[in-house]
Amino acid sequence: AGSEIVRVTTPTLGEAQCLEEIKAKTREQYMD
């Protein structure tokens, strides 16, 4: 839609660890 940077809430260490998979899947399914 045009958001050139996308922010993700990261309130705990558990959410921070999820970012690895989020980043990888976004790159795999779409782009970096």
Full PDB file with SEQRES, HELIX, SHEET, SSBOND, CRYST1, ORIGX, SCALE, CONECT and MASTER records, all heavy atoms in Angstrom:
SEQRES   1 A   32  ALA GLY SER GLU ILE VAL ARG VAL THR THR PRO THR LEU          
SEQRES   2 A   32  GLY GLU ALA GLN CYS LEU GLU GLU ILE LYS ALA LYS THR          
SEQRES   3 A   32  ARG GLU GLN TYR MET ASP                                      
HELIX    1 AA1 LEU A   13  GLN A   29  1                                  17    
CRYST1    1.000    1.000    1.000  90.00  90.00  90.00 P 1           1          
ORIGX1      1.000000  0.000000  0.000000        0.00000                         
ORIGX2      0.000000  1.000000  0.000000        0.00000                         
ORIGX3      0.000000  0.000000  1.000000        0.00000                         
SCALE1      1.000000  0.000000  0.000000        0.00000                         
SCALE2      0.000000  1.000000  0.000000        0.00000                         
SCALE3      0.000000  0.000000  1.000000        0.00000                         
ATOM      1  N   ALA A   1       0.811  -1.220   0.000  1.00  0.00           N  
ATOM      2  CA  ALA A   1       0.000   0.000   0.000  1.00  0.00           C  
ATOM      3  C   ALA A   1       0.843   1.268   0.000  1.00  0.00           C  
ATOM      4  O   ALA A   1       0.335   2.350  -0.281  1.00  0.00           O  
ATOM      5  CB  ALA A   1      -0.939   0.009   1.194  1.00  0.00           C  
ATOM      6  N   GLY A   2       2.152   1.136   0.324  1.00  0.00           N  
ATOM      7  CA  GLY A   2       3.022   2.305   0.290  1.00  0.00           C  
ATOM      8  C   GLY A   2       3.785   2.607   1.550  1.00  0.00           C  
ATOM      9  O   GLY A   2       4.501   3.608   1.619  1.00  0.00           O  
ATOM     10  N   SER A   3       3.656   1.770   2.598  1.00  0.00           N  
ATOM     11  CA  SER A   3       4.431   1.979   3.820  1.00  0.00           C  
ATOM     12  C   SER A   3       5.857   1.488   3.574  1.00  0.00           C  
ATOM     13  O   SER A   3       6.102   0.288   3.479  1.00  0.00           O  
ATOM     14  CB  SER A   3       3.805   1.236   4.997  1.00  0.00           C  
ATOM     15  OG  SER A   3       4.539   1.471   6.178  1.00  0.00           O  
ATOM     16  N   GLU A   4       6.791   2.409   3.516  1.00  0.00           N  
ATOM     17  CA  GLU A   4       8.158   2.059   3.147  1.00  0.00           C  
ATOM     18  C   GLU A   4       8.956   1.451   4.295  1.00  0.00           C  
ATOM     19  O   GLU A   4       9.959   0.788   4.079  1.00  0.00           O  
ATOM     20  CB  GLU A   4       8.854   3.301   2.592  1.00  0.00           C  
ATOM     21  CG  GLU A   4       8.218   3.744   1.273  1.00  0.00           C  
ATOM     22  CD  GLU A   4       8.483   5.185   0.921  1.00  0.00           C  
ATOM     23  OE1 GLU A   4       8.100   6.059   1.709  1.00  0.00           O  
ATOM     24  OE2 GLU A   4       9.037   5.441  -0.154  1.00  0.00           O  
ATOM     25  N   ILE A   5       8.505   1.695   5.524  1.00  0.00           N  
ATOM     26  CA  ILE A   5       9.051   1.070   6.727  1.00  0.00           C  
ATOM     27  C   ILE A   5       7.858   0.599   7.545  1.00  0.00           C  
ATOM     28  O   ILE A   5       6.862   1.309   7.667  1.00  0.00           O  
ATOM     29  CB  ILE A   5       9.904   2.057   7.545  1.00  0.00           C  
ATOM     30  CG1 ILE A   5      11.079   2.580   6.710  1.00  0.00           C  
ATOM     31  CG2 ILE A   5      10.418   1.407   8.824  1.00  0.00           C  
ATOM     32  CD1 ILE A   5      11.809   3.750   7.368  1.00  0.00           C  
ATOM     33  N   VAL A   6       7.955  -0.596   8.113  1.00  0.00           N  
ATOM     34  CA  VAL A   6       6.856  -1.141   8.906  1.00  0.00           C  
ATOM     35  C   VAL A   6       7.374  -1.458  10.305  1.00  0.00           C  
ATOM     36  O   VAL A   6       8.383  -2.141  10.469  1.00  0.00           O  
ATOM     37  CB  VAL A   6       6.256  -2.403   8.261  1.00  0.00           C  
ATOM     38  CG1 VAL A   6       5.106  -2.924   9.125  1.00  0.00           C  
ATOM     39  CG2 VAL A   6       5.759  -2.100   6.846  1.00  0.00           C  
ATOM     40  N   ARG A   7       6.662  -0.966  11.324  1.00  0.00           N  
ATOM     41  CA  ARG A   7       7.072  -1.145  12.716  1.00  0.00           C  
ATOM     42  C   ARG A   7       6.283  -2.287  13.349  1.00  0.00           C  
ATOM     43  O   ARG A   7       5.082  -2.456  13.096  1.00  0.00           O  
ATOM     44  CB  ARG A   7       6.861   0.163  13.473  1.00  0.00           C  
ATOM     45  CG  ARG A   7       7.385   0.203  14.889  1.00  0.00           C  
ATOM     46  CD  ARG A   7       7.789   1.611  15.342  1.00  0.00           C  
ATOM     47  NE  ARG A   7       6.788   2.613  15.097  1.00  0.00           N  
ATOM     48  CZ  ARG A   7       6.093   3.240  16.066  1.00  0.00           C  
ATOM     49  NH1 ARG A   7       6.323   2.950  17.341  1.00  0.00           N  
ATOM     50  NH2 ARG A   7       5.213   4.157  15.760  1.00  0.00           N  
ATOM     51  N   VAL A   8       6.968  -3.045  14.207  1.00  0.00           N  
ATOM     52  CA  VAL A   8       6.377  -4.207  14.882  1.00  0.00           C  
ATOM     53  C   VAL A   8       6.605  -4.054  16.376  1.00  0.00           C  
ATOM     54  O   VAL A   8       7.732  -3.821  16.816  1.00  0.00           O  
ATOM     55  CB  VAL A   8       7.013  -5.517  14.384  1.00  0.00           C  
ATOM     56  CG1 VAL A   8       6.360  -6.718  15.076  1.00  0.00           C  
ATOM     57  CG2 VAL A   8       6.890  -5.650  12.867  1.00  0.00           C  
ATOM     58  N   THR A   9       5.545  -4.175  17.169  1.00  0.00           N  
ATOM     59  CA  THR A   9       5.699  -4.052  18.606  1.00  0.00           C  
ATOM     60  C   THR A   9       6.496  -5.223  19.164  1.00  0.00           C  
ATOM     61  O   THR A   9       6.310  -6.383  18.770  1.00  0.00           O  
ATOM     62  CB  THR A   9       4.325  -3.949  19.297  1.00  0.00           C  
ATOM     63  OG1 THR A   9       4.523  -3.677  20.689  1.00  0.00           O  
ATOM     64  CG2 THR A   9       3.509  -5.230  19.145  1.00  0.00           C  
ATOM     65  N   THR A  10       7.405  -4.917  20.107  1.00  0.00           N  
ATOM     66  CA  THR A  10       8.299  -5.928  20.657  1.00  0.00           C  
ATOM     67  C   THR A  10       8.405  -5.718  22.158  1.00  0.00           C  
ATOM     68  O   THR A  10       9.436  -5.261  22.685  1.00  0.00           O  
ATOM     69  CB  THR A  10       9.689  -5.825  19.989  1.00  0.00           C  
ATOM     70  OG1 THR A  10       9.538  -5.661  18.563  1.00  0.00           O  
ATOM     71  CG2 THR A  10      10.510  -7.087  20.234  1.00  0.00           C  
ATOM     72  N   PRO A  11       7.372  -6.100  22.922  1.00  0.00           N  
ATOM     73  CA  PRO A  11       7.347  -5.783  24.358  1.00  0.00           C  
ATOM     74  C   PRO A  11       8.169  -6.719  25.236  1.00  0.00           C  
ATOM     75  O   PRO A  11       8.524  -6.348  26.354  1.00  0.00           O  
ATOM     76  CB  PRO A  11       5.860  -5.882  24.702  1.00  0.00           C  
ATOM     77  CG  PRO A  11       5.304  -6.853  23.707  1.00  0.00           C  
ATOM     78  CD  PRO A  11       6.090  -6.642  22.449  1.00  0.00           C  
ATOM     79  N   THR A  12       8.464  -7.946  24.773  1.00  0.00           N  
ATOM     80  CA  THR A  12       9.205  -8.892  25.588  1.00  0.00           C  
ATOM     81  C   THR A  12      10.257  -9.600  24.739  1.00  0.00           C  
ATOM     82  O   THR A  12      10.272  -9.498  23.506  1.00  0.00           O  
ATOM     83  CB  THR A  12       8.284  -9.964  26.204  1.00  0.00           C  
ATOM     84  OG1 THR A  12       7.833 -10.863  25.168  1.00  0.00           O  
ATOM     85  CG2 THR A  12       7.079  -9.347  26.903  1.00  0.00           C  
ATOM     86  N   LEU A  13      11.111 -10.345  25.411  1.00  0.00           N  
ATOM     87  CA  LEU A  13      12.141 -11.103  24.716  1.00  0.00           C  
ATOM     88  C   LEU A  13      11.523 -12.142  23.785  1.00  0.00           C  
ATOM     89  O   LEU A  13      12.059 -12.438  22.714  1.00  0.00           O  
ATOM     90  CB  LEU A  13      13.063 -11.774  25.737  1.00  0.00           C  
ATOM     91  CG  LEU A  13      14.357 -12.381  25.215  1.00  0.00           C  
ATOM     92  CD1 LEU A  13      15.220 -11.340  24.530  1.00  0.00           C  
ATOM     93  CD2 LEU A  13      15.137 -13.040  26.359  1.00  0.00           C  
ATOM     94  N   GLY A  14      10.387 -12.705  24.186  1.00  0.00           N  
ATOM     95  CA  GLY A  14       9.711 -13.682  23.334  1.00  0.00           C  
ATOM     96  C   GLY A  14       9.305 -13.093  21.997  1.00  0.00           C  
ATOM     97  O   GLY A  14       9.479 -13.725  20.944  1.00  0.00           O  
ATOM     98  N   GLU A  15       8.738 -11.884  22.009  1.00  0.00           N  
ATOM     99  CA  GLU A  15       8.377 -11.219  20.755  1.00  0.00           C  
ATOM    100  C   GLU A  15       9.620 -10.897  19.923  1.00  0.00           C  
ATOM    101  O   GLU A  15       9.609 -11.015  18.698  1.00  0.00           O  
ATOM    102  CB  GLU A  15       7.604  -9.925  21.028  1.00  0.00           C  
ATOM    103  CG  GLU A  15       6.125 -10.104  21.263  1.00  0.00           C  
ATOM    104  CD  GLU A  15       5.798 -10.496  22.679  1.00  0.00           C  
ATOM    105  OE1 GLU A  15       6.725 -10.463  23.538  1.00  0.00           O  
ATOM    106  OE2 GLU A  15       4.624 -10.838  22.981  1.00  0.00           O  
ATOM    107  N   ALA A  16      10.702 -10.490  20.588  1.00  0.00           N  
ATOM    108  CA  ALA A  16      11.937 -10.195  19.865  1.00  0.00           C  
ATOM    109  C   ALA A  16      12.441 -11.423  19.116  1.00  0.00           C  
ATOM    110  O   ALA A  16      12.915 -11.328  17.977  1.00  0.00           O  
ATOM    111  CB  ALA A  16      13.000  -9.689  20.832  1.00  0.00           C  
ATOM    112  N   GLN A  17      12.325 -12.580  19.734  1.00  0.00           N  
ATOM    113  CA  GLN A  17      12.771 -13.811  19.087  1.00  0.00           C  
ATOM    114  C   GLN A  17      11.877 -14.199  17.912  1.00  0.00           C  
ATOM    115  O   GLN A  17      12.341 -14.837  16.957  1.00  0.00           O  
ATOM    116  CB  GLN A  17      12.842 -14.927  20.123  1.00  0.00           C  
ATOM    117  CG  GLN A  17      13.943 -14.697  21.160  1.00  0.00           C  
ATOM    118  CD  GLN A  17      13.827 -15.574  22.382  1.00  0.00           C  
ATOM    119  OE1 GLN A  17      12.773 -16.166  22.651  1.00  0.00           O  
ATOM    120  NE2 GLN A  17      14.912 -15.654  23.163  1.00  0.00           N  
ATOM    121  N   CYS A  18      10.622 -13.788  17.943  1.00  0.00           N  
ATOM    122  CA  CYS A  18       9.713 -14.040  16.822  1.00  0.00           C  
ATOM    123  C   CYS A  18      10.103 -13.247  15.568  1.00  0.00           C  
ATOM    124  O   CYS A  18       9.717 -13.618  14.454  1.00  0.00           O  
ATOM    125  CB  CYS A  18       8.279 -13.701  17.206  1.00  0.00           C  
ATOM    126  SG  CYS A  18       7.528 -14.829  18.387  1.00  0.00           S  
ATOM    127  N   LEU A  19      10.813 -12.155  15.757  1.00  0.00           N  
ATOM    128  CA  LEU A  19      11.172 -11.308  14.626  1.00  0.00           C  
ATOM    129  C   LEU A  19      12.014 -12.032  13.591  1.00  0.00           C  
ATOM    130  O   LEU A  19      11.950 -11.712  12.407  1.00  0.00           O  
ATOM    131  CB  LEU A  19      11.907 -10.061  15.125  1.00  0.00           C  
ATOM    132  CG  LEU A  19      11.095  -9.100  16.003  1.00  0.00           C  
ATOM    133  CD1 LEU A  19      11.997  -7.996  16.551  1.00  0.00           C  
ATOM    134  CD2 LEU A  19       9.930  -8.504  15.224  1.00  0.00           C  
ATOM    135  N   GLU A  20      12.813 -12.983  14.031  1.00  0.00           N  
ATOM    136  CA  GLU A  20      13.633 -13.732  13.074  1.00  0.00           C  
ATOM    137  C   GLU A  20      12.748 -14.441  12.053  1.00  0.00           C  
ATOM    138  O   GLU A  20      12.988 -14.361  10.842  1.00  0.00           O  
ATOM    139  CB  GLU A  20      14.506 -14.756  13.802  1.00  0.00           C  
ATOM    140  CG  GLU A  20      15.385 -15.568  12.854  1.00  0.00           C  
ATOM    141  CD  GLU A  20      16.299 -16.552  13.571  1.00  0.00           C  
ATOM    142  OE1 GLU A  20      16.042 -16.842  14.764  1.00  0.00           O  
ATOM    143  OE2 GLU A  20      17.264 -17.036  12.954  1.00  0.00           O  
ATOM    144  N   GLU A  21      11.715 -15.127  12.532  1.00  0.00           N  
ATOM    145  CA  GLU A  21      10.818 -15.844  11.632  1.00  0.00           C  
ATOM    146  C   GLU A  21       9.973 -14.880  10.806  1.00  0.00           C  
ATOM    147  O   GLU A  21       9.735 -15.120   9.617  1.00  0.00           O  
ATOM    148  CB  GLU A  21       9.917 -16.791  12.435  1.00  0.00           C  
ATOM    149  CG  GLU A  21       9.088 -17.727  11.562  1.00  0.00           C  
ATOM    150  CD  GLU A  21       8.247 -18.708  12.365  1.00  0.00           C  
ATOM    151  OE1 GLU A  21       8.298 -18.646  13.622  1.00  0.00           O  
ATOM    152  OE2 GLU A  21       7.533 -19.530  11.757  1.00  0.00           O  
ATOM    153  N   ILE A  22       9.520 -13.794  11.414  1.00  0.00           N  
ATOM    154  CA  ILE A  22       8.733 -12.794  10.679  1.00  0.00           C  
ATOM    155  C   ILE A  22       9.545 -12.227   9.524  1.00  0.00           C  
ATOM    156  O   ILE A  22       9.068 -12.117   8.390  1.00  0.00           O  
ATOM    157  CB  ILE A  22       8.270 -11.676  11.623  1.00  0.00           C  
ATOM    158  CG1 ILE A  22       7.222 -12.209  12.608  1.00  0.00           C  
ATOM    159  CG2 ILE A  22       7.702 -10.497  10.833  1.00  0.00           C  
ATOM    160  CD1 ILE A  22       6.868 -11.218  13.705  1.00  0.00           C  
ATOM    161  N   LYS A  23      10.779 -11.863   9.806  1.00  0.00           N  
ATOM    162  CA  LYS A  23      11.646 -11.304   8.767  1.00  0.00           C  
ATOM    163  C   LYS A  23      11.901 -12.323   7.666  1.00  0.00           C  
ATOM    164  O   LYS A  23      11.817 -11.998   6.476  1.00  0.00           O  
ATOM    165  CB  LYS A  23      12.963 -10.847   9.398  1.00  0.00           C  
ATOM    166  CG  LYS A  23      13.869 -10.062   8.478  1.00  0.00           C  
ATOM    167  CD  LYS A  23      13.361  -8.672   8.208  1.00  0.00           C  
ATOM    168  CE  LYS A  23      14.430  -7.806   7.570  1.00  0.00           C  
ATOM    169  NZ  LYS A  23      13.948  -6.484   7.148  1.00  0.00           N  
ATOM    170  N   ALA A  24      12.202 -13.555   8.036  1.00  0.00           N  
ATOM    171  CA  ALA A  24      12.515 -14.588   7.045  1.00  0.00           C  
ATOM    172  C   ALA A  24      11.314 -14.911   6.170  1.00  0.00           C  
ATOM    173  O   ALA A  24      11.438 -15.041   4.943  1.00  0.00           O  
ATOM    174  CB  ALA A  24      13.010 -15.849   7.758  1.00  0.00           C  
ATOM    175  N   LYS A  25      10.146 -15.048   6.779  1.00  0.00           N  
ATOM    176  CA  LYS A  25       8.946 -15.384   6.003  1.00  0.00           C  
ATOM    177  C   LYS A  25       8.522 -14.238   5.092  1.00  0.00           C  
ATOM    178  O   LYS A  25       8.054 -14.464   3.979  1.00  0.00           O  
ATOM    179  CB  LYS A  25       7.805 -15.776   6.944  1.00  0.00           C  
ATOM    180  CG  LYS A  25       7.939 -17.176   7.519  1.00  0.00           C  
ATOM    181  CD  LYS A  25       6.656 -17.607   8.205  1.00  0.00           C  
ATOM    182  CE  LYS A  25       6.706 -19.080   8.582  1.00  0.00           C  
ATOM    183  NZ  LYS A  25       5.438 -19.559   9.200  1.00  0.00           N  
ATOM    184  N   THR A  26       8.663 -13.001   5.571  1.00  0.00           N  
ATOM    185  CA  THR A  26       8.338 -11.852   4.725  1.00  0.00           C  
ATOM    186  C   THR A  26       9.244 -11.822   3.503  1.00  0.00           C  
ATOM    187  O   THR A  26       8.786 -11.599   2.370  1.00  0.00           O  
ATOM    188  CB  THR A  26       8.485 -10.536   5.519  1.00  0.00           C  
ATOM    189  OG1 THR A  26       7.648 -10.573   6.671  1.00  0.00           O  
ATOM    190  CG2 THR A  26       8.092  -9.346   4.657  1.00  0.00           C  
ATOM    191  N   ARG A  27      10.520 -12.059   3.694  1.00  0.00           N  
ATOM    192  CA  ARG A  27      11.481 -12.086   2.597  1.00  0.00           C  
ATOM    193  C   ARG A  27      11.169 -13.238   1.633  1.00  0.00           C  
ATOM    194  O   ARG A  27      11.227 -13.073   0.411  1.00  0.00           O  
ATOM    195  CB  ARG A  27      12.902 -12.229   3.143  1.00  0.00           C  
ATOM    196  CG  ARG A  27      13.999 -12.070   2.094  1.00  0.00           C  
ATOM    197  CD  ARG A  27      15.366 -12.345   2.695  1.00  0.00           C  
ATOM    198  NE  ARG A  27      15.723 -11.376   3.710  1.00  0.00           N  
ATOM    199  CZ  ARG A  27      15.889 -11.655   4.997  1.00  0.00           C  
ATOM    200  NH1 ARG A  27      15.727 -12.906   5.438  1.00  0.00           N  
ATOM    201  NH2 ARG A  27      16.215 -10.703   5.864  1.00  0.00           N  
ATOM    202  N   GLU A  28      10.814 -14.399   2.174  1.00  0.00           N  
ATOM    203  CA  GLU A  28      10.538 -15.573   1.357  1.00  0.00           C  
ATOM    204  C   GLU A  28       9.258 -15.403   0.541  1.00  0.00           C  
ATOM    205  O   GLU A  28       9.215 -15.739  -0.643  1.00  0.00           O  
ATOM    206  CB  GLU A  28      10.431 -16.806   2.253  1.00  0.00           C  
ATOM    207  CG  GLU A  28      10.087 -18.107   1.524  1.00  0.00           C  
ATOM    208  CD  GLU A  28       9.878 -19.264   2.481  1.00  0.00           C  
ATOM    209  OE1 GLU A  28      10.282 -19.160   3.670  1.00  0.00           O  
ATOM    210  OE2 GLU A  28       9.287 -20.271   2.061  1.00  0.00           O  
ATOM    211  N   GLN A  29       8.218 -14.855   1.168  1.00  0.00           N  
ATOM    212  CA  GLN A  29       6.922 -14.755   0.501  1.00  0.00           C  
ATOM    213  C   GLN A  29       6.784 -13.515  -0.375  1.00  0.00           C  
ATOM    214  O   GLN A  29       5.949 -13.478  -1.277  1.00  0.00           O  
ATOM    215  CB  GLN A  29       5.809 -14.755   1.548  1.00  0.00           C  
ATOM    216  CG  GLN A  29       5.719 -16.039   2.360  1.00  0.00           C  
ATOM    217  CD  GLN A  29       4.639 -15.982   3.416  1.00  0.00           C  
ATOM    218  OE1 GLN A  29       3.682 -15.196   3.317  1.00  0.00           O  
ATOM    219  NE2 GLN A  29       4.767 -16.806   4.449  1.00  0.00           N  
ATOM    220  N   TYR A  30       7.622 -12.488  -0.114  1.00  0.00           N  
ATOM    221  CA  TYR A  30       7.414 -11.210  -0.789  1.00  0.00           C  
ATOM    222  C   TYR A  30       8.750 -10.558  -1.134  1.00  0.00           C  
ATOM    223  O   TYR A  30       9.237 -10.674  -2.256  1.00  0.00           O  
ATOM    224  CB  TYR A  30       6.559 -10.320   0.127  1.00  0.00           C  
ATOM    225  CG  TYR A  30       6.314  -8.918  -0.350  1.00  0.00           C  
ATOM    226  CD1 TYR A  30       5.695  -8.659  -1.570  1.00  0.00           C  
ATOM    227  CD2 TYR A  30       6.689  -7.827   0.449  1.00  0.00           C  
ATOM    228  CE1 TYR A  30       5.453  -7.362  -1.994  1.00  0.00           C  
ATOM    229  CE2 TYR A  30       6.443  -6.525   0.039  1.00  0.00           C  
ATOM    230  CZ  TYR A  30       5.835  -6.295  -1.185  1.00  0.00           C  
ATOM    231  OH  TYR A  30       5.606  -5.003  -1.597  1.00  0.00           O  
ATOM    232  N   MET A  31       9.339  -9.838  -0.205  1.00  0.00           N  
ATOM    233  CA  MET A  31      10.628  -9.191  -0.367  1.00  0.00           C  
ATOM    234  C   MET A  31      11.133  -8.768   1.012  1.00  0.00           C  
ATOM    235  O   MET A  31      10.439  -8.928   2.015  1.00  0.00           O  
ATOM    236  CB  MET A  31      10.529  -7.975  -1.295  1.00  0.00           C  
ATOM    237  CG  MET A  31       9.605  -6.882  -0.804  1.00  0.00           C  
ATOM    238  SD  MET A  31       9.516  -5.443  -1.927  1.00  0.00           S  
ATOM    239  CE  MET A  31      11.168  -4.769  -1.730  1.00  0.00           C  
ATOM    240  N   ASP A  32      12.326  -8.210   1.042  1.00  0.00           N  
ATOM    241  CA  ASP A  32      12.915  -7.780   2.309  1.00  0.00           C  
ATOM    242  C   ASP A  32      12.390  -6.388   2.658  1.00  0.00           C  
ATOM    243  O   ASP A  32      12.929  -5.383   2.226  1.00  0.00           O  
ATOM    244  CB  ASP A  32      14.442  -7.775   2.205  1.00  0.00           C  
ATOM    245  CG  ASP A  32      15.117  -7.622   3.565  1.00  0.00           C  
ATOM    246  OD1 ASP A  32      14.411  -7.628   4.596  1.00  0.00           O  
ATOM    247  OD2 ASP A  32      16.359  -7.492   3.599  1.00  0.00           O  
TER     248      ASP A  32                                                      
MASTER        0    0    0    1    0    0    0    6  247    1    0    3          
END                                                                             
